[in-house]
Amino acid sequence: DYMFAKINGGKPVTDKNIQAVTEKYLLKTVELSQSQ
């Protein structure tokens, strides 16, 4: 829970948004391209 809240700006993550939160994290923070 701590890991995913950390990458979501401190907000809890649920099954409904975990995939979207993770993809945003990879795009914006990790700076992967959408093609990657």
PDB file of all heavy atoms in Angstrom:
ATOM      1  N   ASP A   1       0.843  -1.204   0.000  1.00  0.00           N
ATOM      2  CA  ASP A   1       0.000   0.000   0.000  1.00  0.00           C
ATOM      3  C   ASP A   1       0.874   1.250   0.000  1.00  0.00           C
ATOM      4  O   ASP A   1       0.575   2.234  -0.698  1.00  0.00           O
ATOM      5  CB  ASP A   1      -0.911   0.015   1.225  1.00  0.00           C
ATOM      6  CG  ASP A   1      -1.974  -1.071   1.173  1.00  0.00           C
ATOM      7  OD1 ASP A   1      -2.437  -1.385   0.062  1.00  0.00           O
ATOM      8  OD2 ASP A   1      -2.340  -1.610   2.228  1.00  0.00           O
ATOM      9  N   TYR A   2       1.937   1.199   0.788  1.00  0.00           N
ATOM     10  CA  TYR A   2       2.853   2.349   0.877  1.00  0.00           C
ATOM     11  C   TYR A   2       3.507   2.635  -0.472  1.00  0.00           C
ATOM     12  O   TYR A   2       3.583   3.788  -0.902  1.00  0.00           O
ATOM     13  CB  TYR A   2       3.922   2.060   1.930  1.00  0.00           C
ATOM     14  CG  TYR A   2       5.047   3.064   1.946  1.00  0.00           C
ATOM     15  CD1 TYR A   2       4.897   4.283   2.603  1.00  0.00           C
ATOM     16  CD2 TYR A   2       6.257   2.803   1.303  1.00  0.00           C
ATOM     17  CE1 TYR A   2       5.923   5.218   2.618  1.00  0.00           C
ATOM     18  CE2 TYR A   2       7.281   3.728   1.317  1.00  0.00           C
ATOM     19  CZ  TYR A   2       7.117   4.935   1.976  1.00  0.00           C
ATOM     20  OH  TYR A   2       8.134   5.849   1.980  1.00  0.00           O
ATOM     21  N   MET A   3       3.973   1.595  -1.150  1.00  0.00           N
ATOM     22  CA  MET A   3       4.624   1.760  -2.450  1.00  0.00           C
ATOM     23  C   MET A   3       3.732   2.509  -3.435  1.00  0.00           C
ATOM     24  O   MET A   3       4.140   3.494  -4.066  1.00  0.00           O
ATOM     25  CB  MET A   3       4.949   0.393  -3.060  1.00  0.00           C
ATOM     26  CG  MET A   3       6.050  -0.387  -2.410  1.00  0.00           C
ATOM     27  SD  MET A   3       6.177  -2.015  -3.228  1.00  0.00           S
ATOM     28  CE  MET A   3       7.277  -2.868  -2.098  1.00  0.00           C
ATOM     29  N   PHE A   4       2.498   2.027  -3.564  1.00  0.00           N
ATOM     30  CA  PHE A   4       1.614   2.592  -4.580  1.00  0.00           C
ATOM     31  C   PHE A   4       1.071   3.965  -4.174  1.00  0.00           C
ATOM     32  O   PHE A   4       0.869   4.828  -5.034  1.00  0.00           O
ATOM     33  CB  PHE A   4       0.497   1.615  -4.921  1.00  0.00           C
ATOM     34  CG  PHE A   4       0.961   0.484  -5.790  1.00  0.00           C
ATOM     35  CD1 PHE A   4       1.187  -0.770  -5.261  1.00  0.00           C
ATOM     36  CD2 PHE A   4       1.226   0.691  -7.137  1.00  0.00           C
ATOM     37  CE1 PHE A   4       1.654  -1.813  -6.055  1.00  0.00           C
ATOM     38  CE2 PHE A   4       1.691  -0.336  -7.937  1.00  0.00           C
ATOM     39  CZ  PHE A   4       1.908  -1.597  -7.403  1.00  0.00           C
ATOM     40  N   ALA A   5       0.861   4.173  -2.879  1.00  0.00           N
ATOM     41  CA  ALA A   5       0.455   5.503  -2.440  1.00  0.00           C
ATOM     42  C   ALA A   5       1.569   6.511  -2.720  1.00  0.00           C
ATOM     43  O   ALA A   5       1.314   7.653  -3.107  1.00  0.00           O
ATOM     44  CB  ALA A   5       0.125   5.491  -0.947  1.00  0.00           C
ATOM     45  N   LYS A   6       2.815   6.071  -2.564  1.00  0.00           N
ATOM     46  CA  LYS A   6       3.970   6.940  -2.795  1.00  0.00           C
ATOM     47  C   LYS A   6       4.022   7.417  -4.244  1.00  0.00           C
ATOM     48  O   LYS A   6       4.282   8.591  -4.509  1.00  0.00           O
ATOM     49  CB  LYS A   6       5.248   6.179  -2.451  1.00  0.00           C
ATOM     50  CG  LYS A   6       6.521   7.018  -2.489  1.00  0.00           C
ATOM     51  CD  LYS A   6       6.651   7.892  -1.273  1.00  0.00           C
ATOM     52  CE  LYS A   6       7.979   8.596  -1.236  1.00  0.00           C
ATOM     53  NZ  LYS A   6       8.121   9.483  -0.068  1.00  0.00           N
ATOM     54  N   ILE A   7       3.748   6.510  -5.188  1.00  0.00           N
ATOM     55  CA  ILE A   7       3.815   6.904  -6.594  1.00  0.00           C
ATOM     56  C   ILE A   7       2.538   7.613  -7.047  1.00  0.00           C
ATOM     57  O   ILE A   7       2.473   8.131  -8.163  1.00  0.00           O
ATOM     58  CB  ILE A   7       4.123   5.714  -7.532  1.00  0.00           C
ATOM     59  CG1 ILE A   7       2.958   4.745  -7.604  1.00  0.00           C
ATOM     60  CG2 ILE A   7       5.387   4.997  -7.089  1.00  0.00           C
ATOM     61  CD1 ILE A   7       3.150   3.636  -8.632  1.00  0.00           C
ATOM     62  N   ASN A   8       1.538   7.650  -6.145  1.00  0.00           N
ATOM     63  CA  ASN A   8       0.271   8.326  -6.454  1.00  0.00           C
ATOM     64  C   ASN A   8       0.124   9.610  -5.645  1.00  0.00           C
ATOM     65  O   ASN A   8      -0.990  10.013  -5.298  1.00  0.00           O
ATOM     66  CB  ASN A   8      -0.905   7.380  -6.181  1.00  0.00           C
ATOM     67  CG  ASN A   8      -2.210   7.882  -6.779  1.00  0.00           C
ATOM     68  OD1 ASN A   8      -2.222   8.475  -7.854  1.00  0.00           O
ATOM     69  ND2 ASN A   8      -3.311   7.632  -6.078  1.00  0.00           N
ATOM     70  N   GLY A   9       1.243  10.234  -5.317  1.00  0.00           N
ATOM     71  CA  GLY A   9       1.193  11.502  -4.601  1.00  0.00           C
ATOM     72  C   GLY A   9       0.671  11.406  -3.194  1.00  0.00           C
ATOM     73  O   GLY A   9       0.108  12.370  -2.660  1.00  0.00           O
ATOM     74  N   GLY A  10       0.821  10.224  -2.565  1.00  0.00           N
ATOM     75  CA  GLY A  10       0.373  10.041  -1.196  1.00  0.00           C
ATOM     76  C   GLY A  10      -1.055   9.558  -1.061  1.00  0.00           C
ATOM     77  O   GLY A  10      -1.525   9.282   0.044  1.00  0.00           O
ATOM     78  N   LYS A  11      -1.766   9.436  -2.175  1.00  0.00           N
ATOM     79  CA  LYS A  11      -3.161   8.996  -2.135  1.00  0.00           C
ATOM     80  C   LYS A  11      -3.257   7.481  -2.275  1.00  0.00           C
ATOM     81  O   LYS A  11      -2.531   6.885  -3.074  1.00  0.00           O
ATOM     82  CB  LYS A  11      -3.948   9.659  -3.267  1.00  0.00           C
ATOM     83  CG  LYS A  11      -3.963  11.180  -3.199  1.00  0.00           C
ATOM     84  CD  LYS A  11      -4.683  11.759  -4.406  1.00  0.00           C
ATOM     85  CE  LYS A  11      -4.643  13.282  -4.391  1.00  0.00           C
ATOM     86  NZ  LYS A  11      -5.296  13.851  -5.604  1.00  0.00           N
ATOM     87  N   PRO A  12      -4.149   6.837  -1.516  1.00  0.00           N
ATOM     88  CA  PRO A  12      -4.314   5.377  -1.613  1.00  0.00           C
ATOM     89  C   PRO A  12      -4.697   4.943  -3.022  1.00  0.00           C
ATOM     90  O   PRO A  12      -5.359   5.668  -3.759  1.00  0.00           O
ATOM     91  CB  PRO A  12      -5.456   5.081  -0.627  1.00  0.00           C
ATOM     92  CG  PRO A  12      -5.456   6.240   0.307  1.00  0.00           C
ATOM     93  CD  PRO A  12      -5.040   7.422  -0.502  1.00  0.00           C
ATOM     94  N   VAL A  13      -4.246   3.750  -3.384  1.00  0.00           N
ATOM     95  CA  VAL A  13      -4.541   3.184  -4.702  1.00  0.00           C
ATOM     96  C   VAL A  13      -5.500   2.008  -4.529  1.00  0.00           C
ATOM     97  O   VAL A  13      -5.386   1.238  -3.568  1.00  0.00           O
ATOM     98  CB  VAL A  13      -3.239   2.731  -5.398  1.00  0.00           C
ATOM     99  CG1 VAL A  13      -3.533   1.959  -6.664  1.00  0.00           C
ATOM    100  CG2 VAL A  13      -2.363   3.934  -5.701  1.00  0.00           C
ATOM    101  N   THR A  14      -6.448   1.870  -5.444  1.00  0.00           N
ATOM    102  CA  THR A  14      -7.406   0.770  -5.396  1.00  0.00           C
ATOM    103  C   THR A  14      -7.300  -0.045  -6.685  1.00  0.00           C
ATOM    104  O   THR A  14      -6.597   0.326  -7.627  1.00  0.00           O
ATOM    105  CB  THR A  14      -8.842   1.300  -5.255  1.00  0.00           C
ATOM    106  OG1 THR A  14      -9.196   2.007  -6.457  1.00  0.00           O
ATOM    107  CG2 THR A  14      -8.958   2.246  -4.063  1.00  0.00           C
ATOM    108  N   ASP A  15      -8.033  -1.144  -6.728  1.00  0.00           N
ATOM    109  CA  ASP A  15      -8.044  -1.971  -7.932  1.00  0.00           C
ATOM    110  C   ASP A  15      -8.547  -1.182  -9.147  1.00  0.00           C
ATOM    111  O   ASP A  15      -8.163  -1.467 -10.287  1.00  0.00           O
ATOM    112  CB  ASP A  15      -8.942  -3.200  -7.721  1.00  0.00           C
ATOM    113  CG  ASP A  15      -8.335  -4.196  -6.745  1.00  0.00           C
ATOM    114  OD1 ASP A  15      -7.129  -4.063  -6.431  1.00  0.00           O
ATOM    115  OD2 ASP A  15      -9.058  -5.093  -6.284  1.00  0.00           O
ATOM    116  N   LYS A  16      -9.390  -0.181  -8.899  1.00  0.00           N
ATOM    117  CA  LYS A  16      -9.978   0.579 -10.003  1.00  0.00           C
ATOM    118  C   LYS A  16      -8.968   1.483 -10.705  1.00  0.00           C
ATOM    119  O   LYS A  16      -9.091   1.734 -11.907  1.00  0.00           O
ATOM    120  CB  LYS A  16     -11.160   1.406  -9.497  1.00  0.00           C
ATOM    121  CG  LYS A  16     -12.374   0.578  -9.071  1.00  0.00           C
ATOM    122  CD  LYS A  16     -13.527   1.478  -8.644  1.00  0.00           C
ATOM    123  CE  LYS A  16     -14.735   0.649  -8.244  1.00  0.00           C
ATOM    124  NZ  LYS A  16     -15.871   1.525  -7.811  1.00  0.00           N
ATOM    125  N   ASN A  17      -7.983   1.978  -9.948  1.00  0.00           N
ATOM    126  CA  ASN A  17      -7.079   2.954 -10.572  1.00  0.00           C
ATOM    127  C   ASN A  17      -5.614   2.535 -10.586  1.00  0.00           C
ATOM    128  O   ASN A  17      -4.768   3.275 -11.073  1.00  0.00           O
ATOM    129  CB  ASN A  17      -7.217   4.315  -9.880  1.00  0.00           C
ATOM    130  CG  ASN A  17      -6.676   4.320  -8.451  1.00  0.00           C
ATOM    131  OD1 ASN A  17      -6.367   3.282  -7.895  1.00  0.00           O
ATOM    132  ND2 ASN A  17      -6.571   5.500  -7.876  1.00  0.00           N
ATOM    133  N   ILE A  18      -5.305   1.348 -10.065  1.00  0.00           N
ATOM    134  CA  ILE A  18      -3.899   0.968  -9.939  1.00  0.00           C
ATOM    135  C   ILE A  18      -3.180   0.896 -11.283  1.00  0.00           C
ATOM    136  O   ILE A  18      -2.028   1.327 -11.415  1.00  0.00           O
ATOM    137  CB  ILE A  18      -3.755  -0.370  -9.161  1.00  0.00           C
ATOM    138  CG1 ILE A  18      -2.275  -0.666  -8.922  1.00  0.00           C
ATOM    139  CG2 ILE A  18      -4.433  -1.521  -9.880  1.00  0.00           C
ATOM    140  CD1 ILE A  18      -2.038  -1.839  -8.004  1.00  0.00           C
ATOM    141  N   GLN A  19      -3.840   0.395 -12.300  1.00  0.00           N
ATOM    142  CA  GLN A  19      -3.200   0.277 -13.607  1.00  0.00           C
ATOM    143  C   GLN A  19      -2.947   1.663 -14.209  1.00  0.00           C
ATOM    144  O   GLN A  19      -1.864   1.936 -14.728  1.00  0.00           O
ATOM    145  CB  GLN A  19      -4.050  -0.567 -14.552  1.00  0.00           C
ATOM    146  CG  GLN A  19      -3.332  -0.924 -15.851  1.00  0.00           C
ATOM    147  CD  GLN A  19      -4.112  -1.956 -16.671  1.00  0.00           C
ATOM    148  OE1 GLN A  19      -5.303  -2.171 -16.469  1.00  0.00           O
ATOM    149  NE2 GLN A  19      -3.431  -2.598 -17.604  1.00  0.00           N
ATOM    150  N   ALA A  20      -3.920   2.542 -14.098  1.00  0.00           N
ATOM    151  CA  ALA A  20      -3.773   3.899 -14.637  1.00  0.00           C
ATOM    152  C   ALA A  20      -2.709   4.680 -13.874  1.00  0.00           C
ATOM    153  O   ALA A  20      -1.903   5.409 -14.470  1.00  0.00           O
ATOM    154  CB  ALA A  20      -5.112   4.628 -14.576  1.00  0.00           C
ATOM    155  N   VAL A  21      -2.692   4.535 -12.556  1.00  0.00           N
ATOM    156  CA  VAL A  21      -1.688   5.214 -11.733  1.00  0.00           C
ATOM    157  C   VAL A  21      -0.290   4.748 -12.107  1.00  0.00           C
ATOM    158  O   VAL A  21       0.644   5.553 -12.240  1.00  0.00           O
ATOM    159  CB  VAL A  21      -1.955   4.955 -10.232  1.00  0.00           C
ATOM    160  CG1 VAL A  21      -0.737   5.340  -9.383  1.00  0.00           C
ATOM    161  CG2 VAL A  21      -3.182   5.724  -9.763  1.00  0.00           C
ATOM    162  N   THR A  22      -0.149   3.439 -12.299  1.00  0.00           N
ATOM    163  CA  THR A  22       1.163   2.870 -12.630  1.00  0.00           C
ATOM    164  C   THR A  22       1.627   3.332 -14.008  1.00  0.00           C
ATOM    165  O   THR A  22       2.792   3.693 -14.192  1.00  0.00           O
ATOM    166  CB  THR A  22       1.098   1.335 -12.582  1.00  0.00           C
ATOM    167  OG1 THR A  22       0.700   0.934 -11.266  1.00  0.00           O
ATOM    168  CG2 THR A  22       2.453   0.726 -12.904  1.00  0.00           C
ATOM    169  N   GLU A  23       0.719   3.337 -14.967  1.00  0.00           N
ATOM    170  CA  GLU A  23       1.101   3.771 -16.315  1.00  0.00           C
ATOM    171  C   GLU A  23       1.489   5.252 -16.316  1.00  0.00           C
ATOM    172  O   GLU A  23       2.465   5.645 -16.972  1.00  0.00           O
ATOM    173  CB  GLU A  23      -0.037   3.502 -17.299  1.00  0.00           C
ATOM    174  CG  GLU A  23       0.369   3.772 -18.732  1.00  0.00           C
ATOM    175  CD  GLU A  23      -0.500   3.046 -19.757  1.00  0.00           C
ATOM    176  OE1 GLU A  23      -1.154   2.044 -19.378  1.00  0.00           O
ATOM    177  OE2 GLU A  23      -0.502   3.460 -20.922  1.00  0.00           O
ATOM    178  N   LYS A  24       0.773   6.063 -15.562  1.00  0.00           N
ATOM    179  CA  LYS A  24       1.120   7.477 -15.455  1.00  0.00           C
ATOM    180  C   LYS A  24       2.490   7.646 -14.806  1.00  0.00           C
ATOM    181  O   LYS A  24       3.307   8.480 -15.234  1.00  0.00           O
ATOM    182  CB  LYS A  24       0.058   8.207 -14.633  1.00  0.00           C
ATOM    183  CG  LYS A  24       0.330   9.698 -14.478  1.00  0.00           C
ATOM    184  CD  LYS A  24      -0.761  10.363 -13.646  1.00  0.00           C
ATOM    185  CE  LYS A  24      -0.461  11.848 -13.442  1.00  0.00           C
ATOM    186  NZ  LYS A  24      -1.495  12.508 -12.594  1.00  0.00           N
ATOM    187  N   TYR A  25       2.758   6.855 -13.782  1.00  0.00           N
ATOM    188  CA  TYR A  25       4.060   6.888 -13.096  1.00  0.00           C
ATOM    189  C   TYR A  25       5.191   6.533 -14.060  1.00  0.00           C
ATOM    190  O   TYR A  25       6.227   7.199 -14.096  1.00  0.00           O
ATOM    191  CB  TYR A  25       4.020   5.895 -11.931  1.00  0.00           C
ATOM    192  CG  TYR A  25       5.361   5.517 -11.346  1.00  0.00           C
ATOM    193  CD1 TYR A  25       6.107   6.417 -10.589  1.00  0.00           C
ATOM    194  CD2 TYR A  25       5.860   4.226 -11.538  1.00  0.00           C
ATOM    195  CE1 TYR A  25       7.328   6.044 -10.039  1.00  0.00           C
ATOM    196  CE2 TYR A  25       7.084   3.852 -10.998  1.00  0.00           C
ATOM    197  CZ  TYR A  25       7.814   4.764 -10.245  1.00  0.00           C
ATOM    198  OH  TYR A  25       9.023   4.385  -9.712  1.00  0.00           O
ATOM    199  N   LEU A  26       4.968   5.509 -14.882  1.00  0.00           N
ATOM    200  CA  LEU A  26       6.000   5.100 -15.841  1.00  0.00           C
ATOM    201  C   LEU A  26       6.215   6.162 -16.915  1.00  0.00           C
ATOM    202  O   LEU A  26       7.340   6.367 -17.385  1.00  0.00           O
ATOM    203  CB  LEU A  26       5.618   3.758 -16.468  1.00  0.00           C
ATOM    204  CG  LEU A  26       5.618   2.564 -15.520  1.00  0.00           C
ATOM    205  CD1 LEU A  26       5.145   1.302 -16.243  1.00  0.00           C
ATOM    206  CD2 LEU A  26       6.996   2.327 -14.910  1.00  0.00           C
ATOM    207  N   LEU A  27       5.159   6.854 -17.300  1.00  0.00           N
ATOM    208  CA  LEU A  27       5.269   7.909 -18.312  1.00  0.00           C
ATOM    209  C   LEU A  27       5.904   9.185 -17.750  1.00  0.00           C
ATOM    210  O   LEU A  27       6.855   9.734 -18.320  1.00  0.00           O
ATOM    211  CB  LEU A  27       3.893   8.247 -18.866  1.00  0.00           C
ATOM    212  CG  LEU A  27       3.320   7.347 -19.959  1.00  0.00           C
ATOM    213  CD1 LEU A  27       1.851   7.672 -20.184  1.00  0.00           C
ATOM    214  CD2 LEU A  27       4.104   7.498 -21.263  1.00  0.00           C
ATOM    215  N   LYS A  28       5.392   9.642 -16.615  1.00  0.00           N
ATOM    216  CA  LYS A  28       5.774  10.958 -16.095  1.00  0.00           C
ATOM    217  C   LYS A  28       7.017  10.932 -15.213  1.00  0.00           C
ATOM    218  O   LYS A  28       7.844  11.849 -15.276  1.00  0.00           O
ATOM    219  CB  LYS A  28       4.600  11.557 -15.301  1.00  0.00           C
ATOM    220  CG  LYS A  28       3.315  11.711 -16.101  1.00  0.00           C
ATOM    221  CD  LYS A  28       3.483  12.688 -17.264  1.00  0.00           C
ATOM    222  CE  LYS A  28       2.157  12.911 -17.979  1.00  0.00           C
ATOM    223  NZ  LYS A  28       2.298  13.845 -19.138  1.00  0.00           N
ATOM    224  N   THR A  29       7.143   9.908 -14.379  1.00  0.00           N
ATOM    225  CA  THR A  29       8.256   9.865 -13.425  1.00  0.00           C
ATOM    226  C   THR A  29       9.431   9.059 -13.968  1.00  0.00           C
ATOM    227  O   THR A  29      10.574   9.523 -13.958  1.00  0.00           O
ATOM    228  CB  THR A  29       7.789   9.279 -12.079  1.00  0.00           C
ATOM    229  OG1 THR A  29       6.710  10.066 -11.569  1.00  0.00           O
ATOM    230  CG2 THR A  29       8.935   9.275 -11.065  1.00  0.00           C
ATOM    231  N   VAL A  30       9.152   7.846 -14.427  1.00  0.00           N
ATOM    232  CA  VAL A  30      10.216   6.974 -14.952  1.00  0.00           C
ATOM    233  C   VAL A  30      10.626   7.422 -16.350  1.00  0.00           C
ATOM    234  O   VAL A  30      11.717   7.114 -16.826  1.00  0.00           O
ATOM    235  CB  VAL A  30       9.759   5.502 -14.945  1.00  0.00           C
ATOM    236  CG1 VAL A  30      10.862   4.562 -15.419  1.00  0.00           C
ATOM    237  CG2 VAL A  30       9.332   5.091 -13.520  1.00  0.00           C
ATOM    238  N   GLU A  31       9.739   8.162 -17.006  1.00  0.00           N
ATOM    239  CA  GLU A  31       9.991   8.751 -18.329  1.00  0.00           C
ATOM    240  C   GLU A  31      10.212   7.703 -19.423  1.00  0.00           C
ATOM    241  O   GLU A  31      11.052   7.869 -20.296  1.00  0.00           O
ATOM    242  CB  GLU A  31      11.170   9.733 -18.266  1.00  0.00           C
ATOM    243  CG  GLU A  31      10.891  10.928 -17.364  1.00  0.00           C
ATOM    244  CD  GLU A  31      12.022  11.950 -17.370  1.00  0.00           C
ATOM    245  OE1 GLU A  31      13.122  11.633 -17.866  1.00  0.00           O
ATOM    246  OE2 GLU A  31      11.808  13.069 -16.868  1.00  0.00           O
ATOM    247  N   LEU A  32       9.421   6.638 -19.352  1.00  0.00           N
ATOM    248  CA  LEU A  32       9.346   5.724 -20.485  1.00  0.00           C
ATOM    249  C   LEU A  32       8.433   6.346 -21.535  1.00  0.00           C
ATOM    250  O   LEU A  32       7.535   7.128 -21.207  1.00  0.00           O
ATOM    251  CB  LEU A  32       8.774   4.376 -20.051  1.00  0.00           C
ATOM    252  CG  LEU A  32       9.614   3.512 -19.107  1.00  0.00           C
ATOM    253  CD1 LEU A  32       8.828   2.268 -18.731  1.00  0.00           C
ATOM    254  CD2 LEU A  32      10.947   3.132 -19.720  1.00  0.00           C
ATOM    255  N   SER A  33       8.639   5.995 -22.780  1.00  0.00           N
ATOM    256  CA  SER A  33       7.738   6.460 -23.835  1.00  0.00           C
ATOM    257  C   SER A  33       6.509   5.551 -23.863  1.00  0.00           C
ATOM    258  O   SER A  33       6.532   4.433 -23.340  1.00  0.00           O
ATOM    259  CB  SER A  33       8.441   6.413 -25.188  1.00  0.00           C
ATOM    260  OG  SER A  33       8.720   5.069 -25.567  1.00  0.00           O
ATOM    261  N   GLN A  34       5.451   6.031 -24.493  1.00  0.00           N
ATOM    262  CA  GLN A  34       4.256   5.206 -24.602  1.00  0.00           C
ATOM    263  C   GLN A  34       4.544   3.953 -25.422  1.00  0.00           C
ATOM    264  O   GLN A  34       4.021   2.866 -25.116  1.00  0.00           O
ATOM    265  CB  GLN A  34       3.115   5.990 -25.249  1.00  0.00           C
ATOM    266  CG  GLN A  34       1.786   5.245 -25.278  1.00  0.00           C
ATOM    267  CD  GLN A  34       1.281   4.913 -23.895  1.00  0.00           C
ATOM    268  OE1 GLN A  34       1.090   5.812 -23.076  1.00  0.00           O
ATOM    269  NE2 GLN A  34       1.036   3.635 -23.617  1.00  0.00           N
ATOM    270  N   SER A  35       5.402   4.057 -26.415  1.00  0.00           N
ATOM    271  CA  SER A  35       5.737   2.877 -27.220  1.00  0.00           C
ATOM    272  C   SER A  35       6.505   1.853 -26.397  1.00  0.00           C
ATOM    273  O   SER A  35       6.323   0.641 -26.589  1.00  0.00           O
ATOM    274  CB  SER A  35       6.552   3.285 -28.456  1.00  0.00           C
ATOM    275  OG  SER A  35       7.796   3.861 -28.087  1.00  0.00           O
ATOM    276  N   GLN A  36       7.347   2.305 -25.468  1.00  0.00           N
ATOM    277  CA  GLN A  36       8.054   1.368 -24.591  1.00  0.00           C
ATOM    278  C   GLN A  36       7.079   0.659 -23.648  1.00  0.00           C
ATOM    279  O   GLN A  36       7.186  -0.551 -23.432  1.00  0.00           O
ATOM    280  CB  GLN A  36       9.128   2.099 -23.779  1.00  0.00           C
ATOM    281  CG  GLN A  36      10.347   2.500 -24.587  1.00  0.00           C
ATOM    282  CD  GLN A  36      11.338   3.301 -23.770  1.00  0.00           C
ATOM    283  OE1 GLN A  36      10.970   4.236 -23.058  1.00  0.00           O
ATOM    284  NE2 GLN A  36      12.608   2.938 -23.861  1.00  0.00           N
TER     285      GLN A  36
END
